[in-house]
Protein backbone atom coordinates (compact mmCIF):
# COMPACT_ATOMS: atom_id res chain seq x y z
CA MET A 1 -87.93 -46.97 5.43
CA ALA A 2 -87.77 -50.70 5.66
CA PHE A 3 -84.99 -51.76 7.58
CA HIS A 4 -84.39 -51.50 11.32
CA PRO A 5 -82.33 -48.25 12.55
CA TYR A 6 -80.05 -50.60 14.58
CA PRO A 7 -76.80 -52.72 13.03
CA MET A 8 -76.71 -56.58 14.54
CA MET A 9 -74.91 -56.41 17.89
CA MET A 10 -73.75 -58.81 20.39
CA HIS A 11 -71.75 -56.19 23.02
CA PRO A 12 -73.04 -52.75 21.83
CA ILE A 13 -70.36 -49.92 22.56
CA ARG A 14 -71.56 -45.84 22.35
CA ILE A 15 -68.37 -43.42 21.22
CA GLY A 16 -68.79 -40.05 21.76
CA LEU A 17 -67.99 -38.02 18.82
CA THR A 18 -69.24 -34.46 18.58
CA VAL A 19 -70.00 -33.90 22.34
CA ARG A 20 -72.06 -31.15 23.81
CA SER A 21 -71.76 -29.27 20.78
CA PRO A 22 -74.28 -26.36 18.80
CA VAL A 23 -74.47 -28.09 15.50
CA ALA A 24 -73.35 -32.06 15.02
CA ARG A 25 -73.33 -32.40 10.99
CA VAL A 26 -74.19 -36.18 9.44
CA ALA A 27 -74.48 -37.64 5.73
CA VAL A 28 -75.55 -41.25 4.76
CA TRP A 29 -73.73 -43.50 2.25
CA GLN A 30 -77.17 -45.01 1.19
CA GLN A 31 -80.48 -43.56 1.67
CA GLY A 32 -81.50 -43.52 5.28
CA ALA A 33 -83.75 -41.94 7.72
CA VAL A 34 -83.79 -39.91 11.52
CA PHE A 35 -85.66 -42.02 13.69
CA VAL A 36 -87.61 -41.17 16.81
CA ASP A 37 -88.06 -44.05 18.75
CA GLY A 38 -87.96 -46.36 16.44
CA ARG A 39 -89.93 -44.71 13.58
CA PRO A 40 -88.17 -43.16 10.65
CA ILE A 41 -89.62 -39.26 10.68
CA PHE A 42 -87.39 -37.77 8.06
CA VAL A 43 -85.47 -38.77 4.81
CA LEU A 44 -81.81 -38.70 4.23
CA LYS A 45 -80.54 -38.61 0.87
CA PRO A 46 -77.17 -40.23 0.30
CA GLY A 47 -74.11 -37.17 0.03
CA LEU A 48 -76.22 -34.66 1.21
CA VAL A 49 -75.13 -33.22 4.00
CA TYR A 50 -77.59 -32.20 7.13
CA ALA A 51 -76.79 -30.16 10.39
CA ILE A 52 -78.18 -31.24 13.81
CA THR A 53 -78.91 -28.42 16.22
CA PRO A 54 -81.22 -28.40 19.49
CA GLY A 55 -84.17 -29.38 18.32
CA LYS A 56 -84.45 -29.54 14.72
CA ILE A 57 -82.64 -31.41 11.68
CA THR A 58 -81.84 -29.68 8.50
CA GLU A 59 -80.86 -30.49 4.94
CA LEU A 60 -78.34 -27.71 4.19
CA ALA A 61 -78.58 -27.84 0.57
CA THR A 62 -82.38 -27.21 0.37
CA GLY A 63 -83.07 -25.46 3.98
CA THR A 64 -85.52 -28.43 4.56
CA ALA A 65 -86.00 -29.39 7.89
CA VAL A 66 -88.07 -30.82 10.70
CA ALA A 67 -88.28 -30.76 14.50
CA ILE A 68 -87.08 -33.80 16.86
CA PRO A 69 -88.02 -33.49 20.16
CA TYR A 70 -85.78 -32.98 23.77
CA ASP A 71 -87.35 -36.00 25.26
CA ARG A 72 -87.12 -39.17 23.04
CA ARG A 73 -84.15 -41.42 21.50
CA THR A 74 -83.31 -40.07 17.83
CA VAL A 75 -81.10 -42.66 15.44
CA VAL A 76 -79.22 -41.36 12.49
CA SER A 77 -79.19 -44.42 10.08
CA ALA A 78 -78.83 -46.52 6.84
CA PRO A 79 -79.79 -49.75 5.59
CA ASP A 80 -76.19 -50.33 5.25
CA PHE A 81 -74.88 -48.91 8.71
CA ARG A 82 -72.43 -46.31 7.91
CA VAL A 83 -73.01 -42.99 8.53
CA TRP A 84 -70.46 -39.76 8.67
CA THR A 85 -70.14 -37.41 11.02
CA ALA A 86 -67.09 -35.43 12.92
CA ASN A 87 -65.77 -35.39 9.65
CA ARG A 88 -64.99 -39.24 9.17
CA TRP A 89 -67.14 -41.93 7.84
CA TYR A 90 -67.92 -45.34 11.06
CA ARG A 91 -69.99 -48.33 10.71
CA GLY A 92 -72.91 -48.59 12.72
CA CYS A 93 -75.54 -45.52 13.91
CA LEU A 94 -75.50 -42.42 15.29
CA GLU A 95 -77.62 -41.57 18.58
CA ILE A 96 -78.71 -38.62 18.90
CA ILE A 97 -78.60 -36.46 22.60
CA ASN A 98 -80.25 -33.43 21.76
CA MET A 99 -80.85 -31.20 24.36
CA PRO A 100 -81.69 -27.22 24.75
CA SER A 101 -78.27 -26.00 24.39
CA TYR A 102 -76.46 -28.58 23.08
CA VAL A 103 -75.97 -31.90 20.76
CA THR A 104 -74.26 -35.23 21.44
CA ALA A 105 -73.50 -37.51 18.42
CA VAL A 106 -72.96 -40.83 19.84
CA ASN A 107 -71.61 -43.72 17.50
CA LEU A 108 -73.27 -46.92 18.25
CA LEU A 109 -72.34 -50.45 17.19
CA ASP A 110 -70.63 -53.83 17.46
CA LEU A 111 -67.48 -53.86 19.98
CA GLU A 112 -65.94 -56.12 17.29
CA GLU A 113 -66.69 -54.00 14.48
CA TYR A 114 -66.05 -50.77 16.67
CA LEU A 115 -61.96 -52.81 17.43
CA LEU A 116 -61.63 -52.77 13.11
CA GLY A 117 -61.40 -49.13 13.23
CA VAL A 118 -59.32 -48.83 16.47
CA VAL A 119 -56.70 -51.73 16.20
CA PRO A 120 -55.11 -49.76 13.20
CA SER A 121 -55.50 -46.64 14.68
CA GLU A 122 -53.29 -47.34 18.02
CA MET A 123 -50.77 -49.93 15.91
CA PRO A 124 -49.32 -49.63 12.30
CA SER A 125 -51.13 -52.13 9.69
CA SER A 126 -47.70 -53.07 8.55
CA TRP A 127 -46.23 -54.48 11.95
CA HIS A 128 -46.30 -58.10 12.35
CA LEU A 129 -49.87 -59.98 12.66
CA GLU A 130 -48.90 -61.25 16.31
CA ALA A 131 -48.32 -58.00 17.46
CA LEU A 132 -51.36 -56.72 15.68
CA LYS A 133 -53.73 -59.77 17.36
CA SER A 134 -51.89 -58.70 20.69
CA GLN A 135 -52.75 -55.09 20.33
CA ALA A 136 -56.38 -56.43 19.15
CA VAL A 137 -57.14 -58.32 22.66
CA ALA A 138 -55.60 -55.50 24.72
CA ALA A 139 -57.86 -53.12 22.94
CA ARG A 140 -61.50 -55.45 23.08
CA SER A 141 -60.35 -56.25 26.87
CA TYR A 142 -59.63 -52.00 27.56
CA ALA A 143 -62.92 -51.48 25.69
CA PHE A 144 -65.06 -54.09 27.60
CA ALA A 145 -63.76 -53.17 30.99
CA HIS A 146 -64.78 -49.98 30.77
CA MET A 147 -68.26 -50.27 28.68
CA GLY A 148 -71.10 -49.34 31.13
CA PRO A 149 -71.16 -49.02 34.91
CA GLY A 150 -66.98 -49.04 34.40
CA SER A 151 -67.20 -46.03 31.76
CA LYS A 152 -66.14 -43.09 33.31
CA TRP A 153 -68.27 -41.21 30.40
CA LYS A 154 -71.24 -42.65 31.43
CA SER A 155 -73.40 -39.67 32.38
CA GLU A 156 -72.94 -38.42 29.35
CA GLY A 157 -74.65 -40.97 27.57
CA PHE A 158 -71.72 -42.67 26.36
CA ASP A 159 -68.96 -44.86 26.95
CA LEU A 160 -65.91 -43.41 25.71
CA VAL A 161 -64.28 -41.10 23.34
CA PRO A 162 -62.37 -41.57 19.90
CA ASP A 163 -58.82 -40.25 21.62
CA VAL A 164 -55.99 -40.59 23.93
CA ARG A 165 -58.03 -40.13 26.70
CA ASP A 166 -59.66 -43.48 26.09
CA GLN A 167 -58.20 -44.99 22.68
CA ALA A 168 -57.76 -44.24 19.11
CA TYR A 169 -60.81 -45.13 16.71
CA LYS A 170 -60.18 -43.41 13.59
CA GLY A 171 -63.56 -45.34 11.92
CA LEU A 172 -63.73 -46.52 8.04
CA ALA A 173 -60.87 -44.86 6.63
CA ALA A 174 -58.36 -46.17 9.06
CA GLU A 175 -59.18 -50.16 8.76
CA ALA A 176 -56.71 -52.44 6.58
CA GLN A 177 -57.07 -55.93 5.81
CA SER A 178 -53.78 -57.13 8.24
CA THR A 179 -55.75 -55.87 10.93
CA PHE A 180 -59.12 -56.69 9.84
CA VAL A 181 -57.86 -60.61 10.50
CA ALA A 182 -55.83 -59.85 13.71
CA VAL A 183 -59.43 -59.05 15.35
CA HIS A 184 -61.34 -61.69 13.86
CA ALA A 185 -58.27 -64.31 14.70
CA THR A 186 -59.43 -63.37 17.98
CA ARG A 187 -62.59 -62.62 18.20
CA GLY A 188 -64.46 -62.20 21.46
CA LEU A 189 -61.10 -63.09 23.61
CA VAL A 190 -60.43 -60.71 26.73
CA LEU A 191 -57.75 -60.61 29.26
CA LYS A 192 -59.08 -62.30 32.54
CA ASN A 193 -56.99 -62.34 35.90
CA SER A 194 -59.02 -64.01 38.60
CA GLY A 195 -62.38 -64.27 36.26
CA GLN A 196 -62.57 -60.25 35.89
CA VAL A 197 -61.53 -58.32 32.63
CA LYS A 198 -58.23 -57.07 33.50
CA PRO A 199 -57.84 -53.14 31.13
CA GLY A 200 -55.72 -53.96 28.67
CA PHE A 201 -53.89 -50.20 28.96
CA TYR A 202 -50.91 -50.00 26.67
CA ARG A 203 -48.71 -47.56 25.63
CA ALA A 204 -45.97 -47.03 22.38
CA THR A 205 -42.92 -48.09 24.30
CA VAL A 206 -42.97 -48.35 28.01
CA GLY A 207 -39.83 -47.44 30.22
CA ASP A 208 -36.55 -45.94 29.19
CA SER A 209 -34.71 -48.85 28.10
CA GLU A 210 -35.17 -51.95 25.67
CA TYR A 211 -35.32 -54.10 28.12
CA GLU A 212 -37.90 -52.65 30.45
CA ASN A 213 -40.08 -51.94 26.77
CA LEU A 214 -40.54 -55.35 26.58
CA ASN A 215 -41.21 -56.34 30.19
CA ILE A 216 -37.62 -57.97 30.71
CA ARG A 217 -35.08 -57.93 33.31
CA LYS A 218 -31.32 -59.21 33.29
CA SER A 219 -29.30 -60.42 36.98
CA VAL A 220 -26.00 -60.88 37.46
CA VAL A 221 -25.36 -63.61 39.59
CA SER A 222 -21.87 -64.60 40.59
CA GLN A 223 -20.03 -67.82 40.45
CA SER A 224 -19.92 -67.97 44.50
CA THR A 225 -23.12 -67.34 45.03
CA MET A 226 -24.67 -69.88 42.78
CA GLU A 227 -22.63 -72.29 44.23
CA LYS A 228 -23.75 -71.07 48.10
CA ILE A 229 -27.57 -71.28 47.29
CA THR A 230 -27.05 -74.48 44.95
CA GLY A 231 -24.44 -76.65 47.03
CA ILE A 232 -22.76 -77.32 44.27
CA LYS A 233 -19.50 -76.61 43.17
CA ASP A 234 -17.39 -75.74 39.82
CA ILE A 235 -20.75 -75.19 38.02
CA VAL A 236 -20.56 -75.29 34.34
CA GLY A 237 -24.06 -75.06 33.39
CA VAL A 238 -26.97 -73.61 34.04
CA THR A 239 -29.91 -74.53 32.00
CA VAL A 240 -34.20 -74.16 32.63
CA ARG A 241 -35.53 -77.87 31.91
CA GLN A 242 -39.08 -77.39 32.23
CA TRP A 243 -41.58 -74.18 32.42
CA ASP A 244 -45.34 -74.31 34.30
CA GLY A 245 -48.54 -73.24 31.94
CA THR A 246 -47.37 -69.39 32.98
CA GLY A 247 -43.74 -69.17 31.91
CA ASN A 248 -42.77 -69.83 35.06
CA ALA A 249 -39.15 -72.05 35.45
CA VAL A 250 -40.13 -74.73 37.56
CA ARG A 251 -37.13 -77.13 37.07
CA VAL A 252 -33.89 -75.36 36.39
CA ALA A 253 -30.45 -78.11 36.11
CA VAL A 254 -27.33 -76.94 37.36
CA MET A 255 -24.58 -78.54 36.54
CA GLY A 256 -20.63 -78.80 37.79
CA THR A 257 -17.57 -80.83 37.03
CA LYS A 258 -17.79 -83.38 39.38
CA GLY A 259 -22.00 -83.75 38.80
CA GLY A 260 -25.17 -81.55 39.22
CA ARG A 261 -29.03 -81.81 40.18
CA GLU A 262 -32.72 -79.91 39.26
CA VAL A 263 -33.46 -77.40 41.37
CA ASP A 264 -37.31 -76.03 41.86
CA GLY A 265 -36.93 -72.91 39.67
CA ILE A 266 -39.49 -71.34 41.74
CA ALA A 267 -37.66 -71.19 44.92
CA LEU A 268 -33.96 -70.53 43.19
CA ALA A 269 -35.56 -67.27 41.93
CA LYS A 270 -36.99 -65.94 45.23
CA MET A 271 -33.33 -66.60 47.13
CA LEU A 272 -31.72 -64.59 44.27
CA ASN A 273 -34.60 -62.13 44.45
CA PHE A 274 -35.95 -61.93 40.98
CA SER A 275 -39.00 -60.06 40.27
CA THR A 276 -40.56 -63.28 39.13
CA PRO A 277 -39.89 -66.99 38.36
CA GLY A 278 -40.14 -66.69 34.60
CA ILE A 279 -36.70 -67.38 33.56
CA LEU A 280 -36.15 -66.97 29.75
CA ASP A 281 -32.44 -67.67 29.31
CA VAL A 282 -29.13 -68.45 31.34
CA HIS A 283 -25.99 -67.88 29.91
CA GLU A 284 -22.62 -67.65 31.45
CA GLU A 285 -19.87 -64.39 31.39
CA GLY A 286 -16.43 -64.27 32.79
CA ASN A 287 -17.25 -65.57 36.57
CA ASN A 288 -21.00 -64.97 36.49
CA TRP A 289 -24.23 -66.61 35.56
CA VAL A 290 -26.46 -63.84 33.73
CA PHE A 291 -30.16 -64.72 33.97
CA THR A 292 -32.49 -63.27 31.50
CA CYS A 293 -36.06 -63.08 33.59
CA ARG A 294 -40.00 -61.49 32.64
CA GLY A 295 -40.20 -58.40 34.63
CA PRO A 296 -43.37 -58.10 37.13
CA GLY A 297 -45.99 -57.25 34.92
CA ASN A 298 -46.22 -53.23 33.99
CA GLY A 299 -49.20 -52.85 36.18
CA SER A 300 -51.23 -49.59 35.04
CA ARG A 301 -48.59 -48.96 32.19
CA GLY A 302 -49.63 -52.76 30.24
CA LEU A 303 -48.49 -53.54 26.92
CA SER A 304 -45.19 -52.16 25.05
CA GLN A 305 -46.48 -51.79 21.65
CA HIS A 306 -43.15 -51.32 19.98
CA GLY A 307 -41.65 -53.87 22.39
CA ALA A 308 -44.66 -55.98 21.20
CA ASN A 309 -43.76 -55.90 17.42
CA LYS A 310 -40.29 -57.03 18.35
CA LEU A 311 -41.67 -59.34 20.11
CA ALA A 312 -43.47 -61.05 17.75
CA LYS A 313 -40.56 -60.18 14.90
CA GLY A 314 -38.45 -62.32 17.33
CA GLY A 315 -41.03 -65.09 17.14
CA TRP A 316 -43.89 -64.67 19.86
CA ARG A 317 -47.06 -65.06 19.25
CA PHE A 318 -49.92 -62.74 20.47
CA ASP A 319 -50.92 -64.83 23.41
CA GLN A 320 -47.25 -64.80 24.39
CA ILE A 321 -46.74 -61.38 23.92
CA LEU A 322 -49.81 -60.19 26.55
CA GLN A 323 -48.26 -62.74 29.13
CA GLN A 324 -44.83 -61.38 29.26
CA TYR A 325 -46.78 -57.55 30.01
CA TYR A 326 -49.68 -58.46 31.85
CA GLN A 327 -49.23 -61.41 34.21
CA ASP A 328 -48.91 -60.70 37.46
CA SER A 329 -47.30 -62.32 40.63
CA ASP A 330 -50.08 -64.53 40.98
CA GLY A 331 -50.05 -66.47 38.02
CA LYS A 332 -53.38 -66.14 37.36
CA LEU A 333 -53.62 -64.44 33.84
CA GLN A 334 -55.40 -65.99 30.62
CA LEU A 335 -57.58 -65.42 27.66
CA ASP A 336 -60.80 -66.15 27.80
CA PHE A 337 -64.22 -65.16 25.77
CA MET A 338 -66.83 -62.46 26.43
CA PRO A 339 -69.91 -63.54 27.62
CA GLY A 340 -71.49 -65.21 24.11
CA TYR A 341 -68.86 -65.74 22.38
CA HIS A 342 -67.39 -69.27 23.59
CA ALA A 343 -70.53 -70.85 21.96
CA MET A 344 -70.08 -68.71 18.81
CA SER A 345 -67.66 -70.83 16.89
CA ALA A 346 -69.92 -70.74 13.98
CA ALA A 347 -69.83 -66.73 13.03
CA ARG A 348 -65.98 -67.67 12.87
CA PRO A 349 -65.32 -66.84 9.52
CA ALA A 350 -63.54 -70.26 8.45
CA HIS A 351 -60.87 -68.89 6.56
CA ILE A 352 -59.60 -66.24 8.86
CA HIS A 353 -59.59 -68.12 12.27
CA LYS A 354 -60.48 -72.06 13.32
CA PRO A 355 -63.63 -72.79 14.90
CA ALA A 356 -63.49 -72.16 18.73
CA PRO A 357 -63.95 -74.82 20.98
CA LYS A 358 -67.39 -75.09 22.95
CA LYS A 359 -65.80 -74.82 25.81
CA THR A 360 -64.03 -72.24 27.68
CA VAL A 361 -60.29 -71.82 26.31
CA ASN A 362 -57.23 -71.38 28.28
CA TYR A 363 -54.59 -69.83 25.96
CA THR A 364 -52.01 -70.32 29.03
CA LYS A 365 -51.11 -73.31 28.62
CA GLY A 366 -47.80 -74.84 27.96
CA PRO A 367 -44.73 -72.68 27.75
CA LEU A 368 -44.26 -69.04 27.43
CA ILE A 369 -41.07 -70.08 25.36
CA GLU A 370 -40.12 -73.58 24.79
CA THR A 371 -36.20 -73.40 24.96
CA ALA A 372 -36.08 -76.66 27.56
CA PRO A 373 -36.24 -80.42 26.40
CA GLN A 374 -39.94 -81.19 27.99
CA PRO A 375 -40.82 -84.47 29.88
CA GLN A 376 -40.59 -87.23 28.03
CA GLN A 377 -42.50 -90.74 28.78
CA GLN A 378 -40.41 -93.75 29.65
CA GLY A 379 -38.02 -95.19 27.49
CA GLU A 380 -38.32 -92.60 25.17
CA LYS A 381 -35.53 -91.38 23.85
CA GLU A 382 -35.23 -87.16 24.25
CA LYS A 383 -34.94 -84.86 21.58
CA GLU A 384 -33.72 -81.49 22.36
CA LYS A 385 -35.90 -78.71 21.15
CA GLU A 386 -34.75 -75.24 21.43
CA THR A 387 -36.14 -72.47 19.97
CA VAL A 388 -34.20 -69.80 21.38
CA LYS A 389 -29.97 -70.26 21.42
CA ASP A 390 -29.39 -67.11 22.90
CA ASP A 391 -30.85 -63.61 24.14
CA THR A 392 -30.93 -62.00 20.78
CA ASN A 393 -34.99 -62.08 20.63
CA PHE A 394 -34.63 -60.15 23.77
CA THR A 395 -31.88 -57.53 22.86
CA PRO A 396 -31.53 -54.74 20.20
């Protein structure tokens, strides 16, 4: 057979599809072969089903069989790298772990191609593209963090399984154009914290309320408390003037009837016992000031898929959504490329995504939500810039 058994892969990932079974049934789309140590030993005909049992592979239509050794690397592959097993079609090839009492079929493919079958299996492909992008980065981060030494399945010979024990993976049939775009638009991007890849845990919903689901908290502060803390009497306005690169409110203007001043937003949040200084909105209700703030991060709960879609519909970008759910109090979360991708700009389809810059990209630059005027150069007239006028983006 004039083809290599392995597809091109930047970051190979192994998914255990048929695990410790007495038989693994396989098929190919194009004429393929069974390889042992890289050499073809048995031709596979398109559309026919073959049964792999301990020590041999059998063509079910004719009963033709050939022995496969227990102590050698066996691969089922085809030139188009589409294979069938466990009742689904998959990209890549199959590695067969052939033992005297069982066989295991492992799907081997590149991480990016794996994600094409994961993202639409985990999130409906009809959802907002920015939510799908956030799902792609979360799923990529989870997979990358659990490959090789980080896998709980390494003793079995693979990295992940295709279900809720890791993440859903339904192969070729699940793929959709929207999720294809989401994966390629975020190609190679993972979550990192202090230089280490952060596992992108996620759930359909997080918590018991809509605010918890969006990782948003509301805190009510009385007028008297605000006056005591800021030293300003008769407060009539509280406005975030500037956010830093991680979405923390660093300048907050407090206005009274006889004047006001700017205060340090991080210090203010600490004095008011907010979980983070990520103040998204402030508005007046009676004799109180209501602060809408980013939560402290969802820890092992991670991304809320429904929350991500709601935020995306409200105009949030995928990087803002990821910051909302994964940013911890240390403020060190960023998006960065997996090894080999920061210099891979030519590999990105130009019609899908702009080429990546050659240097590492830190998507945490700039405010998460631009609701306050940005600092102007001296002499330049300040322009109002407000994309969130109330908290309709944060409440049902």
